[in-house]
N, C-alpha and C. Protein backbone atom coordinates (compact mmCIF):
# COMPACT_ATOMS: atom_id res chain seq x y z
N MET A 1 158.33 130.84 72.97
CA MET A 1 157.66 129.46 72.94
C MET A 1 157.48 129.56 71.31
N SER A 2 157.49 128.33 70.61
CA SER A 2 156.98 128.15 69.39
C SER A 2 155.75 128.56 69.04
N THR A 3 155.59 129.29 67.93
CA THR A 3 154.01 129.78 67.40
C THR A 3 153.56 128.84 66.75
N PHE A 4 153.93 127.61 66.36
CA PHE A 4 153.25 126.41 65.69
C PHE A 4 152.97 125.24 66.49
N LEU A 5 153.80 124.99 67.44
CA LEU A 5 153.81 123.65 67.77
C LEU A 5 153.93 123.60 69.48
N GLY A 6 153.85 124.75 70.02
CA GLY A 6 153.94 124.97 71.60
C GLY A 6 155.28 125.07 71.83
N PRO A 7 155.70 125.00 73.19
CA PRO A 7 157.10 125.07 73.96
C PRO A 7 157.87 123.76 73.49
N ILE A 8 159.25 124.23 73.29
CA ILE A 8 160.23 123.13 73.07
C ILE A 8 160.13 122.44 74.46
N ARG A 9 160.22 121.05 74.33
CA ARG A 9 159.80 120.19 75.56
C ARG A 9 161.32 119.29 75.89
N GLN A 10 162.15 119.25 74.82
CA GLN A 10 163.42 118.34 74.92
C GLN A 10 164.59 118.99 74.13
N LEU A 11 165.66 118.86 74.95
CA LEU A 11 166.90 119.08 73.94
C LEU A 11 167.60 117.67 73.88
N GLY A 12 168.16 117.66 72.50
CA GLY A 12 168.67 116.24 72.22
C GLY A 12 170.03 116.17 71.87
N TYR A 13 171.02 115.64 72.47
CA TYR A 13 172.43 115.84 72.40
C TYR A 13 172.97 114.44 72.15
N VAL A 14 173.72 114.51 70.98
CA VAL A 14 174.34 113.39 70.41
C VAL A 14 175.84 113.24 71.08
N VAL A 15 176.30 112.33 71.73
CA VAL A 15 177.54 111.90 72.55
C VAL A 15 178.22 110.89 72.18
N ASP A 16 179.45 110.97 72.36
CA ASP A 16 180.28 109.64 72.08
C ASP A 16 180.34 108.55 73.17
N ASP A 17 180.04 109.30 74.45
CA ASP A 17 180.10 108.44 75.60
C ASP A 17 179.01 108.81 76.53
N ILE A 18 177.74 107.97 76.32
CA ILE A 18 176.74 108.16 77.21
C ILE A 18 176.94 108.25 78.73
N GLU A 19 177.94 107.16 79.30
CA GLU A 19 177.86 107.16 80.49
C GLU A 19 178.61 108.13 81.04
N ALA A 20 179.65 108.97 80.32
CA ALA A 20 180.36 109.88 80.72
C ALA A 20 179.54 111.37 80.58
N GLY A 21 178.64 111.29 79.47
CA GLY A 21 177.58 112.30 79.57
C GLY A 21 176.67 112.47 80.65
N MET A 22 175.99 111.26 81.26
CA MET A 22 175.42 111.39 82.32
C MET A 22 176.07 111.79 83.29
N ARG A 23 177.26 111.36 83.51
CA ARG A 23 178.25 111.63 84.72
C ARG A 23 178.36 113.05 84.77
N HIS A 24 178.70 113.69 83.79
CA HIS A 24 178.84 115.40 83.86
C HIS A 24 177.73 116.11 83.78
N TRP A 25 176.34 115.66 83.20
CA TRP A 25 175.25 116.17 83.51
C TRP A 25 174.59 116.20 84.86
N SER A 26 174.86 114.99 85.58
CA SER A 26 174.49 114.91 87.11
C SER A 26 175.53 115.54 87.98
N GLU A 27 176.88 115.40 87.64
CA GLU A 27 177.55 115.84 88.82
C GLU A 27 178.19 117.46 88.60
N VAL A 28 178.16 117.99 87.38
CA VAL A 28 178.67 119.31 86.90
C VAL A 28 177.34 120.20 86.89
N MET A 29 176.29 119.57 86.10
CA MET A 29 175.39 120.49 85.73
C MET A 29 173.96 120.38 86.90
N GLY A 30 174.10 119.18 87.85
CA GLY A 30 173.14 118.97 88.80
C GLY A 30 171.79 118.51 88.41
N VAL A 31 171.71 118.14 87.08
CA VAL A 31 170.66 117.48 86.33
C VAL A 31 170.48 115.77 86.41
N GLY A 32 169.52 115.56 86.80
CA GLY A 32 169.05 114.00 87.08
C GLY A 32 167.95 113.71 87.77
N PRO A 33 167.44 112.84 88.13
CA PRO A 33 168.33 111.38 87.83
C PRO A 33 167.80 111.24 86.34
N TRP A 34 168.81 110.20 85.91
CA TRP A 34 169.20 109.92 84.47
C TRP A 34 168.25 108.57 84.25
N PHE A 35 167.48 108.29 83.34
CA PHE A 35 166.81 107.03 83.16
C PHE A 35 167.20 106.79 81.95
N TYR A 36 168.03 105.54 81.98
CA TYR A 36 169.01 104.98 81.03
C TYR A 36 168.44 103.78 80.41
N ASN A 37 168.67 103.79 79.01
CA ASN A 37 168.06 102.47 78.20
C ASN A 37 169.16 102.17 77.09
N PRO A 38 169.92 101.06 77.61
CA PRO A 38 171.22 101.01 76.59
C PRO A 38 170.78 100.54 75.14
N GLN A 39 169.61 99.89 74.84
CA GLN A 39 168.97 99.72 73.80
C GLN A 39 167.67 99.93 73.32
N VAL A 40 167.34 101.25 72.94
CA VAL A 40 166.01 101.74 72.82
C VAL A 40 165.13 100.70 71.64
N PRO A 41 164.00 99.98 72.12
CA PRO A 41 163.42 99.21 71.37
C PRO A 41 162.58 100.06 70.13
N ILE A 42 163.20 100.36 69.07
CA ILE A 42 162.45 101.42 68.03
C ILE A 42 161.53 100.48 66.92
N GLU A 43 160.46 100.63 66.85
CA GLU A 43 159.96 100.10 65.71
C GLU A 43 159.25 100.74 64.71
N ASN A 44 159.32 99.93 63.44
CA ASN A 44 158.91 100.86 62.50
C ASN A 44 159.81 102.25 62.02
N TYR A 45 161.13 101.77 62.19
CA TYR A 45 162.08 103.08 61.83
C TYR A 45 162.20 103.07 60.42
N LEU A 46 162.02 104.24 60.06
CA LEU A 46 162.61 104.86 58.64
C LEU A 46 163.18 106.00 58.58
N PHE A 47 164.34 105.73 57.68
CA PHE A 47 165.31 106.92 57.31
C PHE A 47 165.23 107.01 55.51
N ASP A 48 164.69 108.34 55.31
CA ASP A 48 164.76 108.53 53.80
C ASP A 48 163.54 107.52 53.30
N GLY A 49 162.61 107.07 54.06
CA GLY A 49 161.65 106.12 53.46
C GLY A 49 162.19 104.51 53.50
N GLU A 50 163.48 104.09 53.75
CA GLU A 50 163.80 103.01 53.86
C GLU A 50 163.98 102.24 55.42
N SER A 51 163.63 101.07 55.61
CA SER A 51 163.73 100.69 56.77
C SER A 51 165.03 100.10 57.27
N TYR A 52 165.40 100.25 58.50
CA TYR A 52 166.51 99.86 59.14
C TYR A 52 166.33 99.54 60.70
N GLN A 53 167.27 99.02 61.45
CA GLN A 53 167.03 98.56 62.73
C GLN A 53 168.25 99.18 63.41
N PRO A 54 168.07 100.36 63.89
CA PRO A 54 169.06 101.26 64.62
C PRO A 54 169.31 100.63 66.12
N HIS A 55 170.54 100.76 66.39
CA HIS A 55 170.70 100.40 68.23
C HIS A 55 171.19 101.71 68.67
N ASN A 56 170.38 102.35 69.44
CA ASN A 56 170.66 103.68 70.19
C ASN A 56 170.62 103.53 71.49
N SER A 57 171.53 103.83 72.27
CA SER A 57 171.35 104.12 73.74
C SER A 57 170.86 105.50 74.23
N VAL A 58 169.91 105.65 74.99
CA VAL A 58 169.45 106.98 75.29
C VAL A 58 169.17 107.04 76.81
N ALA A 59 169.51 108.30 77.16
CA ALA A 59 169.40 108.71 78.67
C ALA A 59 168.74 109.80 78.67
N LEU A 60 167.49 110.01 79.57
CA LEU A 60 166.69 111.06 79.66
C LEU A 60 166.63 111.73 81.20
N ALA A 61 166.74 112.91 81.47
CA ALA A 61 166.71 113.38 82.65
C ALA A 61 165.75 114.95 82.41
N ASN A 62 165.33 115.51 83.49
CA ASN A 62 164.73 116.78 83.26
C ASN A 62 165.20 117.84 84.18
N SER A 63 165.42 119.10 83.64
CA SER A 63 165.54 120.22 84.50
C SER A 63 164.60 121.09 84.33
N GLY A 64 163.79 121.15 85.34
CA GLY A 64 162.47 121.72 85.16
C GLY A 64 161.63 121.20 84.28
N GLU A 65 160.89 121.98 83.54
CA GLU A 65 159.92 121.31 82.61
C GLU A 65 160.90 121.01 81.29
N MET A 66 162.20 121.16 81.05
CA MET A 66 163.12 120.76 80.08
C MET A 66 163.49 119.39 80.02
N GLN A 67 163.13 118.62 79.29
CA GLN A 67 163.79 117.08 79.30
C GLN A 67 165.14 117.43 78.37
N VAL A 68 166.19 116.72 78.72
CA VAL A 68 167.74 116.40 78.46
C VAL A 68 167.73 115.14 78.04
N GLU A 69 167.90 114.92 76.49
CA GLU A 69 167.92 113.59 75.94
C GLU A 69 169.51 113.52 75.76
N LEU A 70 170.06 112.33 75.97
CA LEU A 70 171.59 111.87 75.46
C LEU A 70 171.21 110.48 74.69
N ILE A 71 171.98 110.69 73.57
CA ILE A 71 172.05 109.82 72.62
C ILE A 71 173.28 109.43 72.04
N GLN A 72 173.60 107.92 72.20
CA GLN A 72 174.88 107.40 71.45
C GLN A 72 174.42 106.21 70.47
N CYS A 73 174.77 106.52 69.44
CA CYS A 73 174.69 105.50 68.27
C CYS A 73 175.47 103.96 68.49
N ARG A 74 175.06 102.94 68.39
CA ARG A 74 175.79 101.77 68.46
C ARG A 74 176.12 100.98 67.48
N ASN A 75 175.34 101.27 66.51
CA ASN A 75 175.47 100.85 65.11
C ASN A 75 175.66 101.90 63.99
N ASP A 76 175.81 101.49 62.67
CA ASP A 76 176.33 102.27 61.73
C ASP A 76 174.99 102.52 60.66
N VAL A 77 173.81 102.21 61.23
CA VAL A 77 172.69 102.32 60.27
C VAL A 77 172.62 103.93 60.03
N PRO A 78 171.71 104.03 58.69
CA PRO A 78 171.60 105.69 58.46
C PRO A 78 170.79 106.15 59.62
N SER A 79 171.07 107.38 59.93
CA SER A 79 170.04 108.13 61.06
C SER A 79 170.87 109.41 60.97
N MET A 80 170.09 110.30 61.17
CA MET A 80 170.31 112.02 61.57
C MET A 80 171.46 112.06 62.48
N TYR A 81 171.48 111.25 63.48
CA TYR A 81 172.52 111.13 64.54
C TYR A 81 173.92 110.85 63.95
N ARG A 82 173.78 109.78 63.13
CA ARG A 82 175.10 109.26 62.43
C ARG A 82 175.52 110.20 61.54
N ASP A 83 174.72 111.04 60.75
CA ASP A 83 175.02 112.00 59.81
C ASP A 83 175.56 113.35 60.47
N PHE A 84 175.11 113.60 61.44
CA PHE A 84 175.58 114.92 62.51
C PHE A 84 177.05 114.33 62.98
N MET A 85 177.25 113.23 63.36
CA MET A 85 178.57 112.91 64.03
C MET A 85 179.50 112.71 62.67
N ALA A 86 178.97 112.38 61.67
CA ALA A 86 179.96 112.42 60.44
C ALA A 86 180.38 113.66 59.91
N LYS A 87 179.70 114.71 60.24
CA LYS A 87 180.04 116.12 59.95
C LYS A 87 181.17 116.51 61.06
N GLY A 88 181.64 115.81 62.13
CA GLY A 88 182.32 116.10 63.17
C GLY A 88 181.64 116.84 64.53
N LEU A 89 180.28 116.79 64.28
CA LEU A 89 179.73 117.52 65.55
C LEU A 89 179.29 116.29 66.55
N ARG A 90 179.42 117.29 67.61
CA ARG A 90 178.73 116.65 68.79
C ARG A 90 177.92 117.49 69.57
N GLY A 91 177.01 117.18 70.28
CA GLY A 91 176.18 118.10 71.31
C GLY A 91 174.83 118.29 70.73
N LEU A 92 174.37 119.46 71.10
CA LEU A 92 172.90 119.70 70.64
C LEU A 92 172.69 119.28 69.07
N GLN A 93 171.55 118.19 68.95
CA GLN A 93 171.34 117.79 67.50
C GLN A 93 169.98 118.22 67.16
N HIS A 94 168.96 118.20 68.13
CA HIS A 94 167.58 118.45 67.96
C HIS A 94 166.96 118.99 68.96
N VAL A 95 165.84 119.67 68.76
CA VAL A 95 164.86 120.06 69.72
C VAL A 95 163.37 119.34 69.47
N ALA A 96 162.96 119.10 70.45
CA ALA A 96 161.54 118.32 70.43
C ALA A 96 160.48 118.88 70.70
N PHE A 97 159.37 118.82 70.09
CA PHE A 97 158.05 119.28 70.28
C PHE A 97 157.20 118.18 70.64
N TRP A 98 156.63 118.12 71.78
CA TRP A 98 155.65 117.14 72.34
C TRP A 98 154.18 117.32 71.87
N THR A 99 153.64 116.10 71.39
CA THR A 99 152.25 116.45 71.04
C THR A 99 151.29 115.41 71.16
N LYS A 100 150.15 115.51 71.74
CA LYS A 100 148.98 114.40 71.75
C LYS A 100 148.18 114.67 70.72
N GLN A 101 148.34 115.29 69.45
CA GLN A 101 147.79 115.17 68.17
C GLN A 101 148.74 114.80 67.09
N TYR A 102 149.35 113.70 67.19
CA TYR A 102 150.65 113.67 66.23
C TYR A 102 150.15 113.57 64.73
N GLU A 103 148.93 113.11 64.66
CA GLU A 103 148.63 113.05 63.08
C GLU A 103 148.51 114.43 62.70
N ALA A 104 147.57 115.16 63.32
CA ALA A 104 147.41 116.57 62.89
C ALA A 104 148.52 117.54 62.68
N ASP A 105 149.50 117.43 63.68
CA ASP A 105 150.61 118.19 63.80
C ASP A 105 151.84 117.83 62.69
N LEU A 106 151.86 116.55 62.55
CA LEU A 106 152.64 115.91 61.24
C LEU A 106 152.11 116.46 59.98
N GLN A 107 150.88 116.41 59.89
CA GLN A 107 150.37 117.21 58.62
C GLN A 107 150.43 118.46 58.48
N MET A 108 150.39 119.32 59.52
CA MET A 108 150.67 120.82 59.66
C MET A 108 152.35 120.88 59.32
N MET A 109 153.09 120.23 59.57
CA MET A 109 154.47 120.32 59.53
C MET A 109 154.68 120.04 57.81
N LEU A 110 154.25 119.12 57.48
CA LEU A 110 154.38 118.88 55.89
C LEU A 110 153.66 119.68 55.21
N ASP A 111 152.50 120.28 55.40
CA ASP A 111 151.96 121.40 54.70
C ASP A 111 152.68 122.61 54.71
N ARG A 112 153.29 122.99 55.75
CA ARG A 112 154.60 124.35 55.90
C ARG A 112 155.54 123.88 54.97
N GLY A 113 155.55 122.67 54.54
CA GLY A 113 156.92 122.73 53.59
C GLY A 113 158.14 121.74 54.56
N PHE A 114 157.78 121.22 55.43
CA PHE A 114 158.88 120.56 56.17
C PHE A 114 159.00 119.08 55.60
N THR A 115 160.25 118.42 55.33
CA THR A 115 160.55 117.23 54.77
C THR A 115 160.78 116.19 55.88
N LEU A 116 159.85 115.13 56.01
CA LEU A 116 160.02 114.14 56.97
C LEU A 116 161.51 113.28 56.57
N LYS A 117 162.33 113.08 57.53
CA LYS A 117 163.80 112.39 57.22
C LYS A 117 163.77 111.04 57.97
N MET A 118 163.03 111.01 59.21
CA MET A 118 163.40 109.93 60.18
C MET A 118 162.44 109.88 61.13
N SER A 119 161.75 108.63 61.11
CA SER A 119 160.45 108.41 62.03
C SER A 119 160.58 106.91 62.52
N GLY A 120 159.74 106.85 63.34
CA GLY A 120 159.67 105.54 64.23
C GLY A 120 158.60 105.44 65.23
N GLU A 121 158.66 104.32 66.22
CA GLU A 121 157.65 104.36 67.21
C GLU A 121 158.64 103.77 68.52
N VAL A 122 158.22 104.31 69.44
CA VAL A 122 158.76 103.71 70.76
C VAL A 122 157.54 103.51 71.54
N GLY A 123 157.22 102.25 71.78
CA GLY A 123 155.93 101.87 72.40
C GLY A 123 154.71 102.29 71.83
N VAL A 124 153.71 102.05 72.49
CA VAL A 124 152.21 102.43 72.02
C VAL A 124 151.87 103.80 72.20
N ASN A 125 151.70 104.49 70.95
CA ASN A 125 151.38 105.98 71.11
C ASN A 125 152.85 106.64 71.31
N GLY A 126 153.73 106.29 70.83
CA GLY A 126 155.21 106.74 71.00
C GLY A 126 155.69 107.15 69.69
N ARG A 127 154.94 107.51 68.75
CA ARG A 127 155.47 107.69 67.42
C ARG A 127 156.58 109.20 67.44
N PHE A 128 157.60 109.14 66.51
CA PHE A 128 158.27 110.46 66.42
C PHE A 128 158.71 110.66 64.88
N ALA A 129 158.75 111.74 64.53
CA ALA A 129 159.28 112.33 63.11
C ALA A 129 160.41 113.42 63.46
N TYR A 130 161.40 113.34 62.75
CA TYR A 130 162.51 114.20 62.63
C TYR A 130 162.34 114.66 61.17
N PHE A 131 162.54 116.16 61.23
CA PHE A 131 162.50 116.83 59.84
C PHE A 131 163.72 117.18 59.39
N ALA A 132 163.95 117.04 57.88
CA ALA A 132 165.29 117.27 57.20
C ALA A 132 165.73 118.92 57.31
N GLU A 133 164.85 119.63 57.50
CA GLU A 133 165.41 121.31 57.59
C GLU A 133 166.21 121.59 58.73
N GLU A 134 167.18 122.08 58.53
CA GLU A 134 168.19 122.13 59.70
C GLU A 134 168.99 123.41 59.17
N HIS A 135 169.03 124.59 59.78
CA HIS A 135 169.57 125.80 59.17
C HIS A 135 170.97 126.18 59.72
N HIS A 136 171.29 125.52 61.00
CA HIS A 136 172.41 125.32 61.50
C HIS A 136 172.50 124.34 62.58
N PRO A 137 173.56 123.72 63.08
CA PRO A 137 173.71 122.68 63.93
C PRO A 137 172.73 122.81 65.43
N GLY A 138 171.97 121.75 65.55
CA GLY A 138 171.35 121.67 66.74
C GLY A 138 169.79 122.27 66.55
N THR A 139 169.56 122.57 65.16
CA THR A 139 168.09 123.12 64.90
C THR A 139 167.41 121.89 64.18
N VAL A 140 167.56 120.80 64.31
CA VAL A 140 166.74 119.83 63.56
C VAL A 140 165.36 119.69 64.68
N ILE A 141 164.10 119.46 63.91
CA ILE A 141 162.82 119.36 64.83
C ILE A 141 162.50 118.02 64.81
N GLU A 142 162.07 117.60 66.13
CA GLU A 142 161.43 116.31 66.40
C GLU A 142 160.19 116.54 66.69
N LEU A 143 159.08 115.90 66.13
CA LEU A 143 157.88 116.00 66.79
C LEU A 143 157.68 114.45 67.33
N SER A 144 157.31 114.72 68.48
CA SER A 144 157.35 113.43 69.46
C SER A 144 155.94 113.33 70.05
N GLU A 145 155.22 112.09 69.89
CA GLU A 145 153.85 111.82 70.37
C GLU A 145 153.96 111.26 71.95
N VAL A 146 153.20 111.91 72.70
CA VAL A 146 153.50 111.76 74.15
C VAL A 146 152.00 111.24 74.73
N LEU A 147 151.24 110.09 74.24
CA LEU A 147 150.20 109.77 74.64
C LEU A 147 150.61 108.34 75.38
N GLY A 148 149.77 107.65 75.95
CA GLY A 148 150.21 106.15 76.37
C GLY A 148 151.49 106.21 77.19
N PRO A 149 151.94 104.95 77.21
CA PRO A 149 153.08 104.63 77.93
C PRO A 149 154.30 105.72 78.00
N LYS A 150 154.80 106.14 76.82
CA LYS A 150 155.81 107.03 76.50
C LYS A 150 155.28 108.61 77.35
N GLY A 151 154.37 108.72 77.09
CA GLY A 151 153.95 110.18 77.93
C GLY A 151 153.82 109.98 79.33
N THR A 152 153.51 108.70 79.85
CA THR A 152 153.40 108.57 81.47
C THR A 152 154.99 108.51 81.90
N MET A 153 155.68 107.77 81.07
CA MET A 153 157.26 107.64 81.37
C MET A 153 157.91 109.17 81.42
N PHE A 154 157.44 109.83 80.54
CA PHE A 154 157.92 111.37 80.28
C PHE A 154 157.67 111.80 81.67
N ASP A 155 156.28 111.96 82.31
CA ASP A 155 155.67 112.44 83.31
C ASP A 155 156.73 112.06 84.68
N MET A 156 156.88 110.78 84.72
CA MET A 156 157.71 110.10 85.74
C MET A 156 158.94 110.67 85.63
N ILE A 157 159.61 110.87 84.55
CA ILE A 157 160.96 111.16 84.72
C ILE A 157 161.03 112.74 85.18
N ARG A 158 159.99 113.35 84.83
CA ARG A 158 160.43 114.85 85.14
C ARG A 158 159.72 115.00 86.97
N ALA A 159 158.84 114.14 87.29
CA ALA A 159 158.59 113.95 88.62
C ALA A 159 159.69 113.76 89.31
N ALA A 160 160.48 112.69 88.86
CA ALA A 160 161.51 112.39 89.80
C ALA A 160 162.83 113.28 89.83
N SER A 161 162.89 114.27 89.11
CA SER A 161 163.85 115.26 88.91
C SER A 161 163.54 116.60 90.12
N VAL A 162 162.29 116.60 90.50
CA VAL A 162 161.84 117.49 91.52
C VAL A 162 162.52 117.02 92.93
N ASP A 163 163.09 118.13 93.20
CA ASP A 163 163.79 117.89 94.65
C ASP A 163 164.68 116.67 94.75
N TRP A 164 165.31 116.43 93.39
CA TRP A 164 166.38 115.29 93.34
C TRP A 164 167.43 115.82 94.40
N ASP A 165 168.07 114.83 94.93
CA ASP A 165 169.24 115.16 95.92
C ASP A 165 170.65 114.76 95.49
N GLY A 166 170.61 114.22 94.12
CA GLY A 166 172.00 113.61 93.62
C GLY A 166 172.12 112.17 93.76
N SER A 167 171.28 111.64 94.52
CA SER A 167 171.40 110.08 95.07
C SER A 167 170.87 109.24 93.70
N ASP A 168 171.37 108.18 93.71
CA ASP A 168 170.82 107.18 92.51
C ASP A 168 170.79 108.05 91.10
N PRO A 169 172.01 108.60 90.72
CA PRO A 169 171.75 109.51 89.52
C PRO A 169 171.51 108.49 88.04
N VAL A 170 171.66 107.25 87.94
CA VAL A 170 171.41 106.50 86.95
C VAL A 170 170.21 105.40 87.08
N ARG A 171 169.31 105.23 86.63
CA ARG A 171 168.33 104.46 86.66
C ARG A 171 167.65 103.68 85.50
N PRO A 172 167.53 102.61 85.55
CA PRO A 172 166.91 101.88 84.12
C PRO A 172 165.69 102.65 83.62
N PHE A 173 165.37 102.49 82.63
CA PHE A 173 164.39 103.07 81.93
C PHE A 173 163.12 101.90 82.59
N PRO A 174 161.92 102.71 82.56
CA PRO A 174 160.73 101.81 83.15
C PRO A 174 160.42 100.84 82.07
N ASP A 175 159.70 99.95 82.18
CA ASP A 175 159.17 98.93 81.13
C ASP A 175 157.86 99.60 80.58
N LEU A 176 158.06 99.92 79.30
CA LEU A 176 156.93 100.82 78.74
C LEU A 176 155.48 100.09 78.57
N SER A 177 155.68 98.61 78.46
CA SER A 177 154.73 97.63 78.32
C SER A 177 153.97 97.60 79.65
N LYS A 178 154.59 97.97 80.99
CA LYS A 178 153.94 97.94 82.26
C LYS A 178 153.50 99.33 82.78
N LEU A 179 153.51 100.34 81.69
CA LEU A 179 153.14 101.62 82.20
C LEU A 179 151.67 101.81 81.57
């Protein structure tokens, strides 16, 4: 377990083909069901302090307490995912720590010398921050707020994975405004 942010709660994989990724993870790895959003509604997105409008497809599933995220970039706006792919890399790009005290944990990371690289919001109380420090591929740190609808959705995804029998392997993301 991390000594400063608790356990890693999510592994984020950048993929070329998210549909093939969900199929592999469900059929070969036995992980699912997948909750898929072809265009995540990211608000207040910043990369190096500049505002952009990313178009990312995301799929989420759990294996026990660990959430697996598959990410496919659908446009070419600046992002850490795009930069990862430009290096010829695919696969594990980040690990995420979940927090219910986002401001305090963000400040603690900045105080420790981490540099905010990419940030935004997914729904109410769904802020996220990625830090620039990466000592080898797959070690980018994401701080992800899990209050409100986003936290409820993550709980629902974990619960759906318990005793999953392989049926209905790809499901739509729930509407965050209704959670």
